[in-house]
Amino acid sequence: MNRFFIDPKDINKEDITAVIRGESVKHISRVLRMMVKDRLIISDGLGNSFMGEISEISREEVRVLLLERLDKKSEPELQVNLGQALVKGEKMDYIVQKCTELGVSTIVPFAAERSVVKVSEKKARDKTTRWQKIARGAAEQSHRDRIPEVRAVTVLESILVEETDLLLFLWEQESNRGLKEVLREHVNINKITLLVGPEGGFTEEEVELAVSRGAVSVSLGPRILRTETAAAAAVTMIIYELGDLGEINV
């Protein structure tokens, strides 16, 4: 069933109605060709979802009668924050999309020393807006209850000082600790921050800085993965080992 995120202010719990606005209206009426009495799922992006029935469709909005609140949750209890170094082309779009589908809570783009992409402040704002839109679409497609926050482009050091239960970074030169091994040593944690470098990887200086702030370097295995593959693979492993990936939500 199709799911749509709307502003919490557009949900009226008193008269049990909701209003869908913006681009979703065109998608509902012209792409999906939905009609009055058709059912859909409404989410406020904060973890609350409702089964709804379309009561009215116009050019500007779709009005929905809320039938019931859905208790089945699609969010992992484990909070995974992804710090992703800026990468070129459509790779960042792919990372945002796939990691949203997998269940990350927050995506923080940062400029690494070897990041090929250099963005101005205005361009960074435009890109963040684009990535947030991609995250929204991916959250709807994967039936999540929340939309991950895509934060403004920052620097590595600002991520390293954020509070977390476990701070990990992928490093292709790590030969002693695999990601799986480290995760199995931390089975009772609630929040993980994962750092993934750019196409050329982290520099020695960045590695030293991360380690000095308590980060643990880990390997994904004997093969060197592209950064977009590494991000999705690592998030998958984390949520499989410590989250809900592979489970049946009854």
Foldseek 3Di string as FASTA:
>chain_A
DFEAEDAPVQADPVQQKGKDFDPVLCCCCPVVVDDFQDWYKYAHQPFWIFIWTFHDHDPGITMTHTDGTDPQADAKQAAEEEEEEDEDDCLLLLLLLLLLLLHHQAYEYEHAPPHPDDDDQVVQVVVLVVSQVSQNVSCRVSVHNHRHHYDGYYHPVVVLPDDFPAEEEEDAPDDPAALLRVLVVPQPGRYYYYYFYYQVGHDPVSVVVNVVSPHDYHYNDDDDDGRSVVSSVSSNSNCVRRIQPPHDGD
